[in-house]
């Protein structure tokens, strides 16, 4: 299932990424996304690319319909940020069913003019589980949409605070 989410912000692309990788912002964002647990497992930056691995456990319960195949909602996010492209490749790896789940996307920030940018997250989610795969894909894509809308509000608040 393909997805694409866009949000615009009152900030240039470079400072947007500085905020995005700020430890205080990240902690606030994951708290407000109601993550039971988030842990940065790895973060390597060579000046051109930044590689980050984050372990996450959402506070949401597994929907009843999926409990026969999913008992653990935790996942690991693998990010590879390319500064020159202003884009980050994202791969989500669930704790369970790794060989049946493929979630990849590109998170990019495009300038819209002085002091403005557009954040786009576009990708695909494929779950290869007989009978439930399509429903799980729809659920996952909807959860990402909800999270990105919350993240947009949090980001706008942080941008406003930094301007004040």
Protein backbone atom coordinates (compact mmCIF):
# COMPACT_ATOMS: atom_id res chain seq x y z
CA UNK A 1 0.00 0.00 0.00
CA UNK A 2 1.45 3.32 -1.05
CA UNK A 3 1.30 6.37 1.21
CA UNK A 4 2.29 10.04 1.04
CA UNK A 5 1.98 12.66 3.77
CA UNK A 6 2.90 16.33 3.44
CA UNK A 7 3.16 19.18 5.91
CA UNK A 8 4.47 22.72 5.51
CA UNK A 9 6.47 24.63 8.10
CA UNK A 10 7.69 28.17 8.67
CA UNK A 11 11.39 27.27 8.68
CA UNK A 12 14.17 26.72 6.14
CA UNK A 13 15.11 23.12 5.29
CA UNK A 14 18.54 23.19 7.03
CA UNK A 15 17.22 24.42 10.38
CA UNK A 16 14.30 21.97 10.04
CA UNK A 17 16.73 19.04 9.99
CA UNK A 18 18.70 20.56 12.91
CA UNK A 19 15.46 20.56 14.90
CA UNK A 20 14.49 17.08 13.71
CA UNK A 21 17.69 15.57 15.10
CA UNK A 22 17.74 17.65 18.31
CA UNK A 23 17.67 15.31 21.34
CA UNK A 24 15.21 17.44 23.34
CA UNK A 25 12.82 17.71 20.39
CA UNK A 26 13.05 13.94 19.76
CA UNK A 27 12.27 13.18 23.42
CA UNK A 28 9.30 15.56 23.42
CA UNK A 29 8.02 14.22 20.11
CA UNK A 30 8.11 10.57 21.19
CA UNK A 31 6.53 11.45 24.55
CA UNK A 32 3.69 13.24 22.76
CA UNK A 33 3.32 10.36 20.34
CA UNK A 34 2.67 8.30 23.47
CA UNK A 35 5.54 5.90 23.01
CA UNK A 36 5.97 3.64 26.04
CA UNK A 37 9.59 3.28 25.10
CA UNK A 38 12.00 4.88 22.69
CA UNK A 39 15.70 4.28 22.65
CA UNK A 40 18.30 5.50 20.20
CA UNK A 41 20.40 2.39 19.68
CA UNK A 42 22.85 3.87 17.23
CA UNK A 43 23.68 7.28 15.79
CA UNK A 44 26.62 7.80 13.42
CA UNK A 45 27.27 11.06 11.59
CA UNK A 46 30.11 11.54 9.11
CA UNK A 47 29.05 15.05 8.10
CA UNK A 48 27.45 13.89 4.82
CA UNK A 49 25.14 11.17 6.09
CA UNK A 50 23.64 10.38 9.44
CA UNK A 51 22.66 6.81 10.28
CA UNK A 52 20.29 6.32 13.20
CA UNK A 53 18.61 3.24 14.65
CA UNK A 54 15.72 3.78 17.07
CA UNK A 55 13.79 1.14 19.04
CA UNK A 56 10.15 2.11 19.67
CA UNK A 57 7.23 0.66 21.60
CA UNK A 58 3.88 2.40 21.00
CA UNK A 59 1.38 2.58 23.85
CA UNK A 60 -1.47 1.45 21.57
CA UNK A 61 -2.79 -2.06 22.00
CA UNK A 62 -2.77 -4.56 19.17
CA UNK A 63 -6.27 -4.49 17.62
CA UNK A 64 -8.24 -7.63 18.47
CA UNK A 65 -8.52 -8.70 14.84
CA UNK A 66 -4.69 -8.92 14.54
CA UNK A 67 -3.87 -10.52 17.90
CA UNK A 68 -3.72 -14.01 16.47
CA UNK A 69 -0.64 -13.01 14.42
CA UNK A 70 0.76 -9.93 16.19
CA UNK A 71 1.47 -9.93 19.91
CA UNK A 72 4.18 -7.27 20.02
CA UNK A 73 3.82 -3.78 18.52
CA UNK A 74 7.45 -2.77 19.08
CA UNK A 75 9.62 -1.98 16.11
CA UNK A 76 13.01 -0.68 15.07
CA UNK A 77 13.34 2.30 12.77
CA UNK A 78 16.44 2.46 10.57
CA UNK A 79 17.16 5.95 9.20
CA UNK A 80 19.79 7.04 6.69
CA UNK A 81 19.83 10.83 6.24
CA UNK A 82 21.65 12.30 3.23
CA UNK A 83 22.32 16.00 3.84
CA UNK A 84 22.99 16.84 0.17
CA UNK A 85 19.60 15.40 -0.89
CA UNK A 86 17.78 16.73 2.19
CA UNK A 87 16.22 13.29 2.38
CA UNK A 88 16.21 10.34 4.74
CA UNK A 89 15.56 6.72 3.81
CA UNK A 90 13.42 5.04 6.47
CA UNK A 91 12.95 1.32 7.01
CA UNK A 92 10.70 -0.10 9.73
CA UNK A 93 11.46 -3.53 11.13
CA UNK A 94 8.81 -5.07 13.42
CA UNK A 95 9.79 -7.16 16.41
CA UNK A 96 7.79 -10.05 14.95
CA UNK A 97 7.12 -11.30 11.42
CA UNK A 98 10.17 -9.56 9.95
CA UNK A 99 10.09 -11.74 6.85
CA UNK A 100 6.41 -10.90 6.19
CA UNK A 101 6.62 -7.14 6.65
CA UNK A 102 8.14 -4.54 4.33
CA UNK A 103 7.79 -0.86 5.26
CA UNK A 104 10.08 1.61 3.50
CA UNK A 105 9.86 5.27 2.70
CA UNK A 106 11.68 8.48 1.99
CA UNK A 107 11.32 11.44 4.33
CA UNK A 108 12.35 14.61 2.52
CA UNK A 109 12.29 18.34 3.17
CA UNK A 110 11.92 20.69 0.23
CA UNK A 111 12.39 24.48 0.35
CA UNK A 112 9.32 26.51 -0.59
CA UNK A 113 10.96 29.92 -0.40
CA UNK A 114 12.64 31.97 2.30
CA UNK A 115 11.73 30.62 5.74
CA UNK A 116 9.39 27.91 4.46
CA UNK A 117 9.65 24.21 3.67
CA UNK A 118 7.52 21.15 2.92
CA UNK A 119 8.11 17.84 4.68
CA UNK A 120 7.07 14.81 2.65
CA UNK A 121 7.03 11.20 3.81
CA UNK A 122 6.31 8.82 0.95
CA UNK A 123 6.68 5.09 0.75
CA UNK A 124 5.12 1.67 0.69
CA UNK A 125 3.88 -0.85 3.24
CA UNK A 126 3.50 -4.52 2.32
CA UNK A 127 2.38 -7.21 4.76
CA UNK A 128 2.42 -10.78 3.42
CA UNK A 129 0.02 -12.54 5.78
CA UNK A 130 -2.81 -14.55 4.29
CA UNK A 131 -6.24 -12.92 4.74
CA UNK A 132 -5.01 -10.20 7.13
CA UNK A 133 -2.16 -8.60 5.16
CA UNK A 134 -4.24 -5.91 3.46
CA UNK A 135 -6.04 -4.99 6.68
CA UNK A 136 -2.75 -4.73 8.58
CA UNK A 137 -1.32 -2.53 5.81
CA UNK A 138 -4.32 -0.17 6.04
CA UNK A 139 -4.03 -0.07 9.82
CA UNK A 140 -0.28 0.66 9.72
CA UNK A 141 -0.61 3.38 7.09
CA UNK A 142 -3.42 5.01 9.10
CA UNK A 143 -1.32 4.90 12.28
CA UNK A 144 1.56 6.57 10.44
CA UNK A 145 -0.83 9.27 9.19
CA UNK A 146 -2.07 9.96 12.72
CA UNK A 147 1.51 10.07 14.03
CA UNK A 148 2.68 12.45 11.31
CA UNK A 149 -0.22 14.80 12.00
CA UNK A 150 0.72 14.85 15.70
CA UNK A 151 4.37 15.33 14.75
CA UNK A 152 3.40 18.27 12.51
CA UNK A 153 1.72 20.03 15.45
CA UNK A 154 4.66 19.33 17.76
CA UNK A 155 7.13 20.54 15.13
CA UNK A 156 5.18 23.75 14.50
CA UNK A 157 5.17 24.43 18.27
CA UNK A 158 8.94 23.90 18.49
CA UNK A 159 9.53 26.16 15.49
CA UNK A 160 7.38 28.89 17.08
CA UNK A 161 9.27 28.54 20.40
CA UNK A 162 12.62 28.86 18.63
CA UNK A 163 11.47 32.00 16.82
CA UNK A 164 10.19 33.62 20.04
